[in-house]
Amino acid sequence: MVFFMSSWVITIVGWIIHVFADKHPNKRTGHRVLELFYLWFLVVTGAFAILGGIGHVSGLANELAIQIGYTQSMFQWEVGWGDIALGVLLVMVAKKSFRDGWMTAGVVVLTIQYGGDAIGHIMEYVAHNNTAPSNVWAIPSDIAQPVIAVVLLIIYRRGQAKIAESEAAPTTPAPSA
């Protein structure tokens, strides 16, 4: 539970600090505040995906499998590398030059991977009464993270379009008197 909750705490605290320390020309505009939350959300989710993936492929794999209610297998190795790949993709959106193209890709991969993880954890809970802590506590995050990522992506892209539209609008000179 601590692992899953700590990513949310780090995201929110980091975002709030960033909003108040922001030196961007558009600081504290609605779009900029959303962008900063979105970045913190994606990057922290990515960092935790990397940590989780390392847990699956390292010497901690057996202990992690037990916490999830599984036995260690080759599939855990494969899931671990999938988590690491997702994490790297999400962390890379922090770099401005990758941001626009990688945000959508990151959200697509996050939605497919974590959505599938959520279904698997729910099936384990329902079909096999798997109440292991890391099985049960993964469910809320595996559902919430993709939903939040998709909603934020849609809102962020709409905000970008409005900004681009307003910047491209021709300015009409004032009528001369």
C-alpha atoms as a PDB file:
ATOM      1  CA  MET A   1       0.000   0.000   0.000  1.00  0.00           C
ATOM      2  CA  VAL A   2       2.820   2.417   0.828  1.00  0.00           C
ATOM      3  CA  PHE A   3       4.372   1.895  -2.623  1.00  0.00           C
ATOM      4  CA  PHE A   4       1.116   2.751  -4.408  1.00  0.00           C
ATOM      5  CA  MET A   5       0.220   5.714  -2.182  1.00  0.00           C
ATOM      6  CA  SER A   6       3.689   7.272  -2.196  1.00  0.00           C
ATOM      7  CA  SER A   7       3.581   7.884  -5.956  1.00  0.00           C
ATOM      8  CA  TRP A   8       0.402   9.956  -5.505  1.00  0.00           C
ATOM      9  CA  VAL A   9       1.898  11.942  -2.609  1.00  0.00           C
ATOM     10  CA  ILE A  10       5.112  12.670  -4.543  1.00  0.00           C
ATOM     11  CA  THR A  11       3.098  13.728  -7.598  1.00  0.00           C
ATOM     12  CA  ILE A  12       0.899  16.168  -5.688  1.00  0.00           C
ATOM     13  CA  VAL A  13       3.642  17.639  -3.481  1.00  0.00           C
ATOM     14  CA  GLY A  14       6.075  17.965  -6.412  1.00  0.00           C
ATOM     15  CA  TRP A  15       3.404  19.594  -8.558  1.00  0.00           C
ATOM     16  CA  ILE A  16       2.426  22.145  -5.892  1.00  0.00           C
ATOM     17  CA  ILE A  17       6.055  23.115  -5.286  1.00  0.00           C
ATOM     18  CA  HIS A  18       6.665  23.369  -9.036  1.00  0.00           C
ATOM     19  CA  VAL A  19       3.612  25.608  -9.548  1.00  0.00           C
ATOM     20  CA  PHE A  20       4.873  28.071  -6.926  1.00  0.00           C
ATOM     21  CA  ALA A  21       8.516  27.925  -8.081  1.00  0.00           C
ATOM     22  CA  ASP A  22       7.668  28.097 -11.814  1.00  0.00           C
ATOM     23  CA  LYS A  23       9.525  30.762 -13.775  1.00  0.00           C
ATOM     24  CA  HIS A  24       7.740  30.088 -17.084  1.00  0.00           C
ATOM     25  CA  PRO A  25       6.233  33.197 -18.751  1.00  0.00           C
ATOM     26  CA  ASN A  26       2.766  31.601 -18.552  1.00  0.00           C
ATOM     27  CA  LYS A  27       3.127  30.576 -14.922  1.00  0.00           C
ATOM     28  CA  ARG A  28      -0.061  29.960 -13.002  1.00  0.00           C
ATOM     29  CA  THR A  29      -2.301  30.103 -16.069  1.00  0.00           C
ATOM     30  CA  GLY A  30      -4.824  27.286 -16.119  1.00  0.00           C
ATOM     31  CA  HIS A  31      -3.087  25.526 -19.000  1.00  0.00           C
ATOM     32  CA  ARG A  32       0.366  25.820 -17.424  1.00  0.00           C
ATOM     33  CA  VAL A  33      -0.839  24.495 -14.048  1.00  0.00           C
ATOM     34  CA  LEU A  34      -2.487  21.563 -15.839  1.00  0.00           C
ATOM     35  CA  GLU A  35       0.681  20.941 -17.870  1.00  0.00           C
ATOM     36  CA  LEU A  36       2.791  20.814 -14.707  1.00  0.00           C
ATOM     37  CA  PHE A  37       0.406  18.391 -13.000  1.00  0.00           C
ATOM     38  CA  TYR A  38       0.313  16.238 -16.121  1.00  0.00           C
ATOM     39  CA  LEU A  39       4.117  16.176 -16.305  1.00  0.00           C
ATOM     40  CA  TRP A  40       4.488  15.295 -12.621  1.00  0.00           C
ATOM     41  CA  PHE A  41       1.822  12.622 -12.974  1.00  0.00           C
ATOM     42  CA  LEU A  42       3.461  10.988 -16.012  1.00  0.00           C
ATOM     43  CA  VAL A  43       7.057  11.244 -14.790  1.00  0.00           C
ATOM     44  CA  VAL A  44       6.339   9.952 -11.276  1.00  0.00           C
ATOM     45  CA  THR A  45       4.186   7.153 -12.697  1.00  0.00           C
ATOM     46  CA  GLY A  46       7.118   6.334 -14.972  1.00  0.00           C
ATOM     47  CA  ALA A  47       9.658   6.382 -12.153  1.00  0.00           C
ATOM     48  CA  PHE A  48       7.500   4.016 -10.107  1.00  0.00           C
ATOM     49  CA  ALA A  49       7.024   1.758 -13.145  1.00  0.00           C
ATOM     50  CA  ILE A  50      10.815   1.535 -13.432  1.00  0.00           C
ATOM     51  CA  LEU A  51      11.136   0.746  -9.712  1.00  0.00           C
ATOM     52  CA  GLY A  52       8.411  -1.893  -9.942  1.00  0.00           C
ATOM     53  CA  GLY A  53      10.004  -3.369 -13.049  1.00  0.00           C
ATOM     54  CA  ILE A  54      13.387  -3.566 -11.369  1.00  0.00           C
ATOM     55  CA  GLY A  55      11.698  -5.382  -8.493  1.00  0.00           C
ATOM     56  CA  HIS A  56      10.337  -7.965 -10.939  1.00  0.00           C
ATOM     57  CA  VAL A  57      13.696  -8.617 -12.640  1.00  0.00           C
ATOM     58  CA  SER A  58      16.058  -8.369  -9.653  1.00  0.00           C
ATOM     59  CA  GLY A  59      16.870 -10.444  -6.621  1.00  0.00           C
ATOM     60  CA  LEU A  60      13.643  -9.109  -5.080  1.00  0.00           C
ATOM     61  CA  ALA A  61      11.511 -10.937  -7.663  1.00  0.00           C
ATOM     62  CA  ASN A  62      10.569 -13.851  -5.402  1.00  0.00           C
ATOM     63  CA  GLU A  63       9.587 -11.562  -2.511  1.00  0.00           C
ATOM     64  CA  LEU A  64       7.572  -9.342  -4.862  1.00  0.00           C
ATOM     65  CA  ALA A  65       5.798 -12.369  -6.360  1.00  0.00           C
ATOM     66  CA  ILE A  66       4.799 -13.480  -2.863  1.00  0.00           C
ATOM     67  CA  GLN A  67       3.460  -9.982  -2.051  1.00  0.00           C
ATOM     68  CA  ILE A  68       1.300 -10.164  -5.190  1.00  0.00           C
ATOM     69  CA  GLY A  69       0.145 -13.681  -4.369  1.00  0.00           C
ATOM     70  CA  TYR A  70       1.933 -15.398  -7.251  1.00  0.00           C
ATOM     71  CA  THR A  71       4.902 -17.660  -7.597  1.00  0.00           C
ATOM     72  CA  GLN A  72       7.946 -16.384  -9.426  1.00  0.00           C
ATOM     73  CA  SER A  73       8.058 -17.308 -13.113  1.00  0.00           C
ATOM     74  CA  MET A  74       9.457 -16.204 -16.464  1.00  0.00           C
ATOM     75  CA  PHE A  75       6.298 -14.129 -16.956  1.00  0.00           C
ATOM     76  CA  GLN A  76       7.337 -11.940 -14.052  1.00  0.00           C
ATOM     77  CA  TRP A  77      10.622 -11.265 -15.864  1.00  0.00           C
ATOM     78  CA  GLU A  78       8.696 -10.225 -18.976  1.00  0.00           C
ATOM     79  CA  VAL A  79       6.274  -7.990 -17.029  1.00  0.00           C
ATOM     80  CA  GLY A  80       9.248  -6.379 -15.301  1.00  0.00           C
ATOM     81  CA  TRP A  81      10.851  -5.377 -18.594  1.00  0.00           C
ATOM     82  CA  GLY A  82       7.480  -4.108 -19.851  1.00  0.00           C
ATOM     83  CA  ASP A  83       7.201  -1.938 -16.728  1.00  0.00           C
ATOM     84  CA  ILE A  84      10.737  -0.622 -17.235  1.00  0.00           C
ATOM     85  CA  ALA A  85      10.021   0.218 -20.896  1.00  0.00           C
ATOM     86  CA  LEU A  86       6.803   2.027 -19.949  1.00  0.00           C
ATOM     87  CA  GLY A  87       8.640   3.880 -17.183  1.00  0.00           C
ATOM     88  CA  VAL A  88      11.426   5.081 -19.461  1.00  0.00           C
ATOM     89  CA  LEU A  89       8.863   6.313 -22.001  1.00  0.00           C
ATOM     90  CA  LEU A  90       6.953   8.254 -19.332  1.00  0.00           C
ATOM     91  CA  VAL A  91      10.066   9.704 -17.668  1.00  0.00           C
ATOM     92  CA  MET A  92      11.331  10.937 -21.047  1.00  0.00           C
ATOM     93  CA  VAL A  93       8.341  13.316 -21.395  1.00  0.00           C
ATOM     94  CA  ALA A  94      10.115  15.503 -18.832  1.00  0.00           C
ATOM     95  CA  LYS A  95      12.522  16.458 -21.634  1.00  0.00           C
ATOM     96  CA  LYS A  96      10.877  19.257 -23.616  1.00  0.00           C
ATOM     97  CA  SER A  97      12.148  17.993 -26.985  1.00  0.00           C
ATOM     98  CA  PHE A  98      10.369  14.641 -26.463  1.00  0.00           C
ATOM     99  CA  ARG A  99       7.262  15.937 -24.747  1.00  0.00           C
ATOM    100  CA  ASP A 100       4.606  16.425 -27.413  1.00  0.00           C
ATOM    101  CA  GLY A 101       5.157  13.240 -29.393  1.00  0.00           C
ATOM    102  CA  TRP A 102       5.871  11.041 -26.413  1.00  0.00           C
ATOM    103  CA  MET A 103       2.963  12.124 -24.214  1.00  0.00           C
ATOM    104  CA  THR A 104       0.371  10.481 -26.428  1.00  0.00           C
ATOM    105  CA  ALA A 105       2.504   7.373 -26.919  1.00  0.00           C
ATOM    106  CA  GLY A 106       3.075   7.138 -23.170  1.00  0.00           C
ATOM    107  CA  VAL A 107      -0.638   7.402 -22.424  1.00  0.00           C
ATOM    108  CA  VAL A 108      -1.492   4.727 -25.010  1.00  0.00           C
ATOM    109  CA  VAL A 109       1.065   2.301 -23.556  1.00  0.00           C
ATOM    110  CA  LEU A 110       0.087   3.156 -19.967  1.00  0.00           C
ATOM    111  CA  THR A 111      -3.582   2.562 -20.737  1.00  0.00           C
ATOM    112  CA  ILE A 112      -2.990  -0.797 -22.400  1.00  0.00           C
ATOM    113  CA  GLN A 113      -0.446  -2.099 -19.890  1.00  0.00           C
ATOM    114  CA  TYR A 114      -2.066  -0.916 -16.657  1.00  0.00           C
ATOM    115  CA  GLY A 115      -5.576  -1.564 -17.946  1.00  0.00           C
ATOM    116  CA  GLY A 116      -4.520  -5.150 -18.638  1.00  0.00           C
ATOM    117  CA  ASP A 117      -2.822  -5.336 -15.241  1.00  0.00           C
ATOM    118  CA  ALA A 118      -6.046  -4.154 -13.563  1.00  0.00           C
ATOM    119  CA  ILE A 119      -8.076  -6.842 -15.326  1.00  0.00           C
ATOM    120  CA  GLY A 120      -5.543  -9.474 -14.257  1.00  0.00           C
ATOM    121  CA  HIS A 121      -5.534  -8.347 -10.620  1.00  0.00           C
ATOM    122  CA  ILE A 122      -9.337  -8.240 -10.538  1.00  0.00           C
ATOM    123  CA  MET A 123      -9.560 -11.722 -12.073  1.00  0.00           C
ATOM    124  CA  GLU A 124      -7.098 -13.024  -9.481  1.00  0.00           C
ATOM    125  CA  TYR A 125      -9.146 -11.452  -6.701  1.00  0.00           C
ATOM    126  CA  VAL A 126     -12.514 -12.687  -7.965  1.00  0.00           C
ATOM    127  CA  ALA A 127     -11.606 -16.099  -9.390  1.00  0.00           C
ATOM    128  CA  HIS A 128      -8.923 -17.143  -6.913  1.00  0.00           C
ATOM    129  CA  ASN A 129      -9.665 -14.993  -3.857  1.00  0.00           C
ATOM    130  CA  ASN A 130      -6.161 -13.540  -4.137  1.00  0.00           C
ATOM    131  CA  THR A 131      -6.200 -10.999  -1.329  1.00  0.00           C
ATOM    132  CA  ALA A 132      -2.421 -10.550  -1.209  1.00  0.00           C
ATOM    133  CA  PRO A 133      -1.690  -6.890  -0.426  1.00  0.00           C
ATOM    134  CA  SER A 134       0.110  -6.082  -3.671  1.00  0.00           C
ATOM    135  CA  ASN A 135      -2.651  -7.738  -5.692  1.00  0.00           C
ATOM    136  CA  VAL A 136      -5.496  -5.844  -4.015  1.00  0.00           C
ATOM    137  CA  TRP A 137      -3.716  -2.483  -3.675  1.00  0.00           C
ATOM    138  CA  ALA A 138      -2.617  -2.527  -7.321  1.00  0.00           C
ATOM    139  CA  ILE A 139      -6.230  -2.440  -8.510  1.00  0.00           C
ATOM    140  CA  PRO A 140      -7.102   1.220  -7.691  1.00  0.00           C
ATOM    141  CA  SER A 141      -3.859   2.555  -9.213  1.00  0.00           C
ATOM    142  CA  ASP A 142      -4.066   0.303 -12.260  1.00  0.00           C
ATOM    143  CA  ILE A 143      -7.544   1.695 -12.958  1.00  0.00           C
ATOM    144  CA  ALA A 144      -7.031   5.326 -11.909  1.00  0.00           C
ATOM    145  CA  GLN A 145      -3.711   5.989 -13.625  1.00  0.00           C
ATOM    146  CA  PRO A 146      -4.859   5.243 -17.200  1.00  0.00           C
ATOM    147  CA  VAL A 147      -8.184   7.046 -16.707  1.00  0.00           C
ATOM    148  CA  ILE A 148      -6.469  10.137 -15.287  1.00  0.00           C
ATOM    149  CA  ALA A 149      -3.800  10.043 -18.013  1.00  0.00           C
ATOM    150  CA  VAL A 150      -6.380   9.904 -20.825  1.00  0.00           C
ATOM    151  CA  VAL A 151      -8.530  12.679 -19.320  1.00  0.00           C
ATOM    152  CA  LEU A 152      -5.489  14.911 -18.735  1.00  0.00           C
ATOM    153  CA  LEU A 153      -4.192  14.260 -22.255  1.00  0.00           C
ATOM    154  CA  ILE A 154      -7.531  15.301 -23.777  1.00  0.00           C
ATOM    155  CA  ILE A 155      -7.758  18.465 -21.649  1.00  0.00           C
ATOM    156  CA  TYR A 156      -4.085  19.307 -22.268  1.00  0.00           C
ATOM    157  CA  ARG A 157      -4.387  18.886 -26.051  1.00  0.00           C
ATOM    158  CA  ARG A 158      -7.562  21.007 -26.151  1.00  0.00           C
ATOM    159  CA  GLY A 159      -5.753  23.730 -24.208  1.00  0.00           C
ATOM    160  CA  GLN A 160      -2.814  23.561 -26.609  1.00  0.00           C
ATOM    161  CA  ALA A 161      -5.182  23.884 -29.579  1.00  0.00           C
ATOM    162  CA  LYS A 162      -6.852  26.955 -28.050  1.00  0.00           C
ATOM    163  CA  ILE A 163      -3.471  28.580 -27.418  1.00  0.00           C
ATOM    164  CA  ALA A 164      -2.311  27.859 -30.967  1.00  0.00           C
ATOM    165  CA  GLU A 165      -5.612  29.158 -32.335  1.00  0.00           C
ATOM    166  CA  SER A 166      -5.362  32.419 -30.391  1.00  0.00           C
ATOM    167  CA  GLU A 167      -1.743  32.914 -31.435  1.00  0.00           C
ATOM    168  CA  ALA A 168      -2.611  32.315 -35.094  1.00  0.00           C
ATOM    169  CA  ALA A 169      -5.645  34.622 -35.107  1.00  0.00           C
ATOM    170  CA  PRO A 170      -4.959  37.724 -37.170  1.00  0.00           C
ATOM    171  CA  THR A 171      -5.013  40.921 -35.234  1.00  0.00           C
ATOM    172  CA  THR A 172      -7.392  43.493 -36.596  1.00  0.00           C
ATOM    173  CA  PRO A 173      -6.028  47.006 -36.587  1.00  0.00           C
ATOM    174  CA  ALA A 174      -8.129  49.574 -34.765  1.00  0.00           C
ATOM    175  CA  PRO A 175     -10.218  51.727 -37.092  1.00  0.00           C
ATOM    176  CA  SER A 176      -8.687  55.124 -37.713  1.00  0.00           C
ATOM    177  CA  ALA A 177     -10.688  58.115 -36.628  1.00  0.00           C
END
